[in-house]
């Protein structure tokens, strides 16, 4: 069991780590603790370890370096035995982005399921990475020169060019076309941001601005060098009348933003907030 203060301290340390040193699933569990501090973290950690052990037993002799055998082992364990799949019926449920909730229900959002797939694969020391695909998180595995992209949300469906094009058009519009950046790997911090962004957006759509601000401030713990988070945080702090804190956050954005086109507008907002203080 872990408390919210303990989870926040862990995430603050993640914010100081190099991306390669981030333990993706552990960080996601700590984010889950912020919503469910009574959860038994050790049981969830054991479950993730058991998944990796089960996967190892499903790779046929001599098949360890065969990417198709790796994908088949992941699918057989996570999907067929344990029932992990996307939640198509209650997609907006916040538990779909809470790793403890996902493990309890065996249902989740693409990125939450992707974190489990990545964690299990990496425990096996397999080459696995999330992709920068718009609107839908995908995982790519590679071995001995072979590559396979799978969709954890759709029961580890293998995605070739046709499936990827159809998925892109479904999420980004009929005119969208596959681009090289859609195949680019995303780092661990970006995956965690993507996970939490789902929660933030759901709170905003529900007009729960205070909860959205809480999520943003939690995101800043593990991604303190992300300029857009400081800007969003500053704007929401201003919404609640926390003017000094809002100005501080917006000034941090200005210091980090470089050539961001939002700089001019942000400078205007800062001046307006200072005028309200005087």
Protein backbone atom coordinates (compact mmCIF):
# COMPACT_ATOMS: atom_id res chain seq x y z
CA UNK A 1 0.00 0.00 0.00
CA UNK A 2 1.16 3.53 -0.72
CA UNK A 3 -0.22 6.93 0.29
CA UNK A 4 -0.77 9.93 -1.95
CA UNK A 5 2.23 11.79 -0.47
CA UNK A 6 4.44 8.75 -1.10
CA UNK A 7 3.15 8.46 -4.66
CA UNK A 8 3.72 12.15 -5.30
CA UNK A 9 7.27 11.91 -3.97
CA UNK A 10 7.95 8.94 -6.25
CA UNK A 11 6.60 10.86 -9.25
CA UNK A 12 8.69 13.88 -8.30
CA UNK A 13 11.78 11.66 -8.46
CA UNK A 14 10.61 10.38 -11.85
CA UNK A 15 10.62 14.00 -12.96
CA UNK A 16 14.36 14.12 -12.23
CA UNK A 17 15.20 10.84 -13.98
CA UNK A 18 16.49 10.27 -17.48
CA UNK A 19 13.70 8.86 -19.59
CA UNK A 20 15.41 5.49 -20.05
CA UNK A 21 15.50 5.03 -16.27
CA UNK A 22 11.75 5.45 -15.82
CA UNK A 23 9.96 2.25 -14.79
CA UNK A 24 6.85 2.77 -16.86
CA UNK A 25 4.40 0.45 -15.12
CA UNK A 26 5.57 1.43 -11.63
CA UNK A 27 5.09 5.11 -12.45
CA UNK A 28 1.64 4.35 -13.84
CA UNK A 29 0.77 2.48 -10.63
CA UNK A 30 1.85 5.49 -8.60
CA UNK A 31 -0.41 7.69 -10.70
CA UNK A 32 -3.21 5.23 -9.96
CA UNK A 33 -2.48 5.57 -6.24
CA UNK A 34 -3.34 9.27 -6.43
CA UNK A 35 -6.91 8.22 -7.18
CA UNK A 36 -6.97 4.97 -5.16
CA UNK A 37 -4.56 5.24 -2.22
CA UNK A 38 -6.04 2.17 -0.55
CA UNK A 39 -4.90 -0.20 -3.31
CA UNK A 40 -2.51 -3.06 -2.51
CA UNK A 41 0.36 -2.16 -4.82
CA UNK A 42 2.27 -5.37 -4.16
CA UNK A 43 -0.57 -7.49 -5.53
CA UNK A 44 -0.55 -5.48 -8.77
CA UNK A 45 3.22 -5.74 -9.03
CA UNK A 46 3.02 -9.51 -8.53
CA UNK A 47 0.38 -9.77 -11.21
CA UNK A 48 2.56 -7.94 -13.74
CA UNK A 49 5.49 -10.21 -12.90
CA UNK A 50 3.29 -13.29 -13.26
CA UNK A 51 2.21 -12.10 -16.70
CA UNK A 52 5.83 -11.93 -17.81
CA UNK A 53 6.54 -15.38 -16.43
CA UNK A 54 3.50 -16.79 -18.21
CA UNK A 55 4.59 -15.17 -21.48
CA UNK A 56 8.06 -16.71 -21.15
CA UNK A 57 6.54 -20.17 -20.88
CA UNK A 58 4.59 -19.71 -24.10
CA UNK A 59 7.53 -19.00 -26.38
CA UNK A 60 8.40 -22.25 -28.18
CA UNK A 61 11.96 -23.63 -27.96
CA UNK A 62 14.18 -21.72 -30.35
CA UNK A 63 11.52 -19.04 -30.87
CA UNK A 64 12.84 -16.42 -28.47
CA UNK A 65 14.26 -14.31 -31.31
CA UNK A 66 11.18 -14.68 -33.52
CA UNK A 67 9.05 -11.55 -33.32
CA UNK A 68 5.93 -13.44 -34.41
CA UNK A 69 6.47 -15.94 -31.57
CA UNK A 70 6.83 -13.07 -29.11
CA UNK A 71 3.59 -11.46 -30.28
CA UNK A 72 1.80 -14.81 -30.15
CA UNK A 73 3.00 -15.38 -26.57
CA UNK A 74 1.82 -11.93 -25.50
CA UNK A 75 -1.57 -12.45 -27.12
CA UNK A 76 -2.03 -15.93 -25.69
CA UNK A 77 -1.24 -14.73 -22.16
CA UNK A 78 -2.66 -11.22 -21.93
CA UNK A 79 -5.67 -11.62 -24.19
CA UNK A 80 -6.64 -15.28 -24.28
CA UNK A 81 -5.74 -16.32 -20.73
CA UNK A 82 -6.21 -13.12 -18.73
CA UNK A 83 -8.78 -11.39 -20.94
CA UNK A 84 -7.14 -8.01 -21.43
CA UNK A 85 -8.88 -5.94 -24.10
CA UNK A 86 -10.22 -2.49 -24.83
CA UNK A 87 -13.30 -1.22 -23.04
CA UNK A 88 -15.65 -0.51 -25.92
CA UNK A 89 -18.78 -0.31 -23.76
CA UNK A 90 -17.75 2.21 -21.10
CA UNK A 91 -14.82 3.86 -22.87
CA UNK A 92 -15.12 7.13 -20.94
CA UNK A 93 -14.90 5.43 -17.53
CA UNK A 94 -11.96 6.97 -15.67
CA UNK A 95 -10.91 3.53 -14.43
CA UNK A 96 -9.83 2.79 -18.01
CA UNK A 97 -6.87 5.10 -17.44
CA UNK A 98 -6.08 3.92 -13.90
CA UNK A 99 -3.63 1.01 -14.09
CA UNK A 100 -5.00 -0.61 -10.94
CA UNK A 101 -8.51 -0.32 -12.34
CA UNK A 102 -7.38 -1.75 -15.67
CA UNK A 103 -5.79 -4.76 -13.96
CA UNK A 104 -8.91 -5.31 -11.82
CA UNK A 105 -11.31 -5.14 -14.77
CA UNK A 106 -9.03 -6.44 -17.56
CA UNK A 107 -10.35 -3.50 -19.58
CA UNK A 108 -8.80 -0.17 -20.42
CA UNK A 109 -7.82 2.55 -22.84
CA UNK A 110 -5.27 1.82 -25.58
CA UNK A 111 -2.43 3.56 -23.74
CA UNK A 112 -3.14 1.87 -20.39
CA UNK A 113 -3.23 -1.56 -22.01
CA UNK A 114 -0.13 -0.59 -23.98
CA UNK A 115 1.75 0.09 -20.75
CA UNK A 116 1.03 -3.48 -19.62
CA UNK A 117 2.14 -4.91 -22.97
CA UNK A 118 5.34 -2.85 -22.88
CA UNK A 119 6.10 -3.75 -19.28
CA UNK A 120 5.68 -7.47 -19.86
CA UNK A 121 7.72 -7.41 -23.06
CA UNK A 122 10.50 -5.40 -21.47
CA UNK A 123 10.65 -7.72 -18.46
CA UNK A 124 11.50 -10.38 -21.03
CA UNK A 125 14.17 -7.95 -22.34
CA UNK A 126 12.37 -7.77 -25.67
CA UNK A 127 12.62 -4.73 -27.92
CA UNK A 128 9.20 -3.05 -27.57
CA UNK A 129 8.10 0.56 -27.89
CA UNK A 130 4.98 2.66 -28.09
CA UNK A 131 4.29 4.56 -31.29
CA UNK A 132 3.36 8.17 -31.92
CA UNK A 133 0.17 7.17 -33.72
CA UNK A 134 -2.51 9.87 -33.51
CA UNK A 135 -5.57 9.15 -31.42
CA UNK A 136 -4.79 5.52 -30.66
CA UNK A 137 -1.84 3.97 -28.83
CA UNK A 138 -0.02 1.14 -30.58
CA UNK A 139 2.95 -1.06 -29.65
CA UNK A 140 5.74 -2.24 -31.95
CA UNK A 141 7.89 -5.28 -31.24
CA UNK A 142 11.13 -6.03 -33.06
CA UNK A 143 13.45 -9.05 -33.17
CA UNK A 144 16.06 -10.33 -35.61
CA UNK A 145 15.17 -7.66 -38.12
CA UNK A 146 11.43 -8.36 -38.04
CA UNK A 147 8.83 -5.87 -36.83
CA UNK A 148 5.19 -6.26 -35.87
CA UNK A 149 2.81 -3.52 -34.75
CA UNK A 150 0.00 -4.62 -32.45
CA UNK A 151 -3.09 -2.91 -31.10
CA UNK A 152 -3.50 -3.79 -27.39
CA UNK A 153 -7.02 -2.33 -27.43
CA UNK A 154 -8.17 -4.76 -30.12
CA UNK A 155 -6.89 -7.97 -28.55
CA UNK A 156 -3.32 -7.53 -29.82
CA UNK A 157 -4.46 -7.36 -33.44
CA UNK A 158 -1.49 -7.21 -35.81
CA UNK A 159 -1.60 -3.98 -37.80
CA UNK A 160 -0.22 -3.80 -41.30
CA UNK A 161 -0.47 -0.84 -43.65
CA UNK A 162 -4.15 -1.46 -44.42
CA UNK A 163 -5.18 -1.70 -40.77
CA UNK A 164 -3.13 1.36 -39.85
CA UNK A 165 -4.62 3.41 -42.67
CA UNK A 166 -8.16 2.44 -41.69
CA UNK A 167 -7.44 3.21 -38.03
CA UNK A 168 -5.94 6.58 -38.90
CA UNK A 169 -8.94 7.60 -40.98
CA UNK A 170 -11.27 6.50 -38.19
CA UNK A 171 -9.46 8.64 -35.62
CA UNK A 172 -8.12 11.57 -37.67
CA UNK A 173 -10.59 11.89 -40.52
CA UNK A 174 -11.13 10.51 -44.01
CA UNK A 175 -8.48 12.77 -45.55
CA UNK A 176 -5.69 11.65 -43.20
CA UNK A 177 -2.81 9.66 -44.66
CA UNK A 178 -0.03 7.71 -42.99
CA UNK A 179 3.12 9.74 -42.39
CA UNK A 180 6.57 8.67 -41.17
CA UNK A 181 6.02 10.41 -37.83
CA UNK A 182 3.12 8.06 -37.10
CA UNK A 183 5.68 5.26 -36.77
CA UNK A 184 8.03 7.23 -34.53
CA UNK A 185 8.61 5.75 -31.06
CA UNK A 186 7.48 7.70 -28.01
CA UNK A 187 9.47 7.86 -24.80
CA UNK A 188 8.30 6.73 -21.38
CA UNK A 189 7.49 10.20 -20.11
CA UNK A 190 5.35 10.90 -23.17
CA UNK A 191 3.43 7.68 -22.60
CA UNK A 192 2.66 8.71 -19.02
CA UNK A 193 1.59 12.14 -20.25
CA UNK A 194 -0.68 10.51 -22.80
CA UNK A 195 -2.22 8.36 -20.07
CA UNK A 196 -2.94 11.31 -17.78
CA UNK A 197 -4.08 13.53 -20.62
CA UNK A 198 -7.01 11.16 -21.08
CA UNK A 199 -8.08 11.82 -17.49
CA UNK A 200 -7.57 15.57 -17.78
CA UNK A 201 -9.69 15.80 -20.94
CA UNK A 202 -12.51 13.81 -19.37
CA UNK A 203 -12.59 16.19 -16.40
CA UNK A 204 -12.62 19.20 -18.73
CA UNK A 205 -15.48 17.77 -20.78
CA UNK A 206 -17.40 17.24 -17.54
CA UNK A 207 -16.61 20.84 -16.52
CA UNK A 208 -14.71 19.55 -13.49
CA UNK A 209 -12.04 22.21 -13.81
CA UNK A 210 -10.67 21.71 -10.31
CA UNK A 211 -10.03 18.01 -11.00
CA UNK A 212 -8.40 18.83 -14.33
CA UNK A 213 -6.06 21.22 -12.51
CA UNK A 214 -5.17 18.50 -9.99
CA UNK A 215 -4.26 16.17 -12.86
CA UNK A 216 -2.11 18.84 -14.50
CA UNK A 217 -0.20 19.50 -11.29
CA UNK A 218 0.38 15.75 -10.92
CA UNK A 219 1.67 15.66 -14.51
CA UNK A 220 4.15 18.40 -13.66
CA UNK A 221 5.65 16.15 -11.00
CA UNK A 222 7.00 13.68 -13.56
CA UNK A 223 7.29 16.09 -16.52
CA UNK A 224 8.46 19.41 -15.03
CA UNK A 225 10.21 20.42 -18.26
CA UNK A 226 7.10 20.22 -20.43
CA UNK A 227 6.24 23.86 -21.30
CA UNK A 228 2.63 23.33 -22.34
CA UNK A 229 1.79 21.85 -18.94
CA UNK A 230 2.93 25.04 -17.24
CA UNK A 231 0.78 27.13 -19.55
CA UNK A 232 -2.31 25.00 -19.02
CA UNK A 233 -1.72 24.99 -15.28
CA UNK A 234 -1.34 28.76 -15.23
CA UNK A 235 -4.57 29.29 -17.14
CA UNK A 236 -6.54 27.04 -14.81
CA UNK A 237 -5.01 28.60 -11.72
CA UNK A 238 -6.12 31.97 -13.07
CA UNK A 239 -9.61 30.55 -13.58
CA UNK A 240 -9.79 29.95 -9.82
CA UNK A 241 -8.36 33.36 -8.96
CA UNK A 242 -4.96 32.07 -7.81
CA UNK A 243 -3.28 34.94 -9.60
CA UNK A 244 0.23 34.79 -8.14
CA UNK A 245 0.44 31.05 -8.73
CA UNK A 246 -0.98 31.52 -12.23
CA UNK A 247 1.61 34.17 -13.09
CA UNK A 248 4.43 31.98 -11.76
CA UNK A 249 3.30 29.04 -13.92
CA UNK A 250 2.87 31.19 -17.03
CA UNK A 251 6.29 32.79 -16.52
CA UNK A 252 7.79 29.30 -16.28
CA UNK A 253 6.17 28.53 -19.63
CA UNK A 254 7.69 31.70 -21.10
CA UNK A 255 11.14 30.70 -19.87
CA UNK A 256 10.85 27.26 -21.48
CA UNK A 257 8.79 27.92 -24.57
CA UNK A 258 11.43 29.06 -27.03
CA UNK A 259 9.65 29.97 -30.28
CA UNK A 260 6.26 28.66 -29.23
CA UNK A 261 3.57 30.68 -31.05
CA UNK A 262 1.59 30.94 -27.80
CA UNK A 263 4.30 33.14 -26.24
CA UNK A 264 2.82 36.47 -27.33
CA UNK A 265 -0.67 35.64 -26.12
CA UNK A 266 0.77 34.31 -22.85
CA UNK A 267 2.69 37.54 -22.29
CA UNK A 268 -0.56 39.47 -22.71
CA UNK A 269 -2.32 37.22 -20.19
CA UNK A 270 0.49 37.67 -17.67
CA UNK A 271 0.18 41.45 -17.95
CA UNK A 272 -3.58 41.25 -17.51
CA UNK A 273 -3.17 39.13 -14.38
CA UNK A 274 -0.61 41.59 -12.97
CA UNK A 275 -3.05 44.44 -13.60
CA UNK A 276 -5.70 42.57 -11.64
CA UNK A 277 -3.27 42.27 -8.71
CA UNK A 278 -2.59 46.02 -8.62
